[in-house]
Amino acid sequence: MSGQEKIVAELLRGLKHERDELKLQMHLAKKEIQDELQTLDDQLDALNHRYQPLRQAVAESTDDVWESLKLVGNEIRTGFAKIRNSL
């Protein structure tokens, strides 16, 4: 094997190794993003569940409840944006 062939073979070996590392990192990141999305999904379900019985109370104390709902909703939206930006 000539010197140039060795250089090319080493380059290819290094690139394949780097590719494999990136694939692993992407797989791990994907799992982390899936976990984060599941957490946000659970929070959204909990928010919806808490909101249902509060519909009557919302009419009575609109400002406080509305601000709380907006805060939690914005936190969930920010989490979705974070996940979207990670993809």
Protein backbone atom coordinates (compact mmCIF):
# COMPACT_ATOMS: atom_id res chain seq x y z
CA MET A 1 0.00 0.00 0.00
CA SER A 2 1.42 3.35 -1.01
CA GLY A 3 1.73 6.34 1.27
CA GLN A 4 -1.22 8.04 -0.42
CA GLU A 5 -3.38 4.94 -0.05
CA LYS A 6 -2.55 4.81 3.65
CA ILE A 7 -3.48 8.48 4.06
CA VAL A 8 -6.80 7.95 2.26
CA ALA A 9 -7.53 4.78 4.26
CA GLU A 10 -6.78 6.61 7.52
CA LEU A 11 -8.94 9.55 6.45
CA LEU A 12 -11.83 7.22 5.65
CA ARG A 13 -11.40 5.36 8.94
CA GLY A 14 -11.42 8.65 10.86
CA LEU A 15 -14.48 9.93 9.01
CA LYS A 16 -16.37 6.70 9.65
CA HIS A 17 -15.48 6.90 13.34
CA GLU A 18 -16.66 10.51 13.51
CA ARG A 19 -19.88 9.56 11.69
CA ASP A 20 -20.54 6.75 14.17
CA GLU A 21 -19.97 9.08 17.12
CA LEU A 22 -22.39 11.63 15.64
CA LYS A 23 -25.01 8.94 15.07
CA LEU A 24 -24.72 7.91 18.72
CA GLN A 25 -24.96 11.50 19.93
CA MET A 26 -28.02 12.07 17.72
CA HIS A 27 -29.66 8.94 19.11
CA LEU A 28 -29.03 10.04 22.69
CA ALA A 29 -30.22 13.58 21.93
CA LYS A 30 -33.34 12.19 20.29
CA LYS A 31 -34.15 10.19 23.43
CA GLU A 32 -33.55 13.27 25.60
CA ILE A 33 -35.84 15.35 23.37
CA GLN A 34 -38.51 12.63 23.46
CA ASP A 35 -38.35 12.59 27.25
CA GLU A 36 -38.62 16.37 27.38
CA LEU A 37 -41.58 16.32 24.98
CA GLN A 38 -43.30 13.68 27.12
CA THR A 39 -42.81 15.85 30.22
CA LEU A 40 -44.34 18.83 28.41
CA ASP A 41 -47.17 16.66 27.12
CA ASP A 42 -47.89 15.53 30.68
CA GLN A 43 -47.87 19.15 31.85
CA LEU A 44 -50.28 20.10 29.07
CA ASP A 45 -52.63 17.27 30.04
CA ALA A 46 -52.44 18.32 33.70
CA LEU A 47 -53.14 21.93 32.77
CA ASN A 48 -56.15 20.89 30.74
CA HIS A 49 -57.38 18.63 33.55
CA ARG A 50 -57.03 21.43 36.12
CA TYR A 51 -58.73 23.93 33.85
CA GLN A 52 -61.93 21.93 33.36
CA PRO A 53 -63.29 22.30 36.91
CA LEU A 54 -62.08 25.87 37.08
CA ARG A 55 -64.22 27.18 34.25
CA GLN A 56 -66.82 28.53 36.71
CA ALA A 57 -64.14 29.93 39.00
CA VAL A 58 -62.53 31.66 36.03
CA ALA A 59 -65.62 33.77 35.62
CA GLU A 60 -65.38 34.83 39.28
CA SER A 61 -61.65 35.40 39.54
CA THR A 62 -60.69 35.90 35.93
CA ASP A 63 -57.51 37.90 36.36
CA ASP A 64 -55.67 35.58 38.76
CA VAL A 65 -56.64 32.36 37.06
CA TRP A 66 -56.03 33.79 33.60
CA GLU A 67 -52.53 34.97 34.54
CA SER A 68 -51.71 31.55 36.02
CA LEU A 69 -52.95 29.75 32.93
CA LYS A 70 -51.00 32.08 30.66
CA LEU A 71 -47.83 31.52 32.69
CA VAL A 72 -48.05 27.74 32.53
CA GLY A 73 -49.10 27.87 28.87
CA ASN A 74 -46.13 30.07 28.02
CA GLU A 75 -43.77 27.73 29.87
CA ILE A 76 -45.08 24.81 27.81
CA ARG A 77 -44.82 26.83 24.58
CA THR A 78 -41.21 27.76 25.47
CA GLY A 79 -40.43 24.09 26.06
CA PHE A 80 -41.92 23.16 22.67
CA ALA A 81 -39.81 25.88 21.02
CA LYS A 82 -36.71 24.56 22.76
CA ILE A 83 -37.39 21.09 21.42
CA ARG A 84 -38.12 22.44 17.94
CA ASN A 85 -34.84 24.35 17.96
CA SER A 86 -32.98 21.22 19.07
CA LEU A 87 -34.15 19.29 16.02
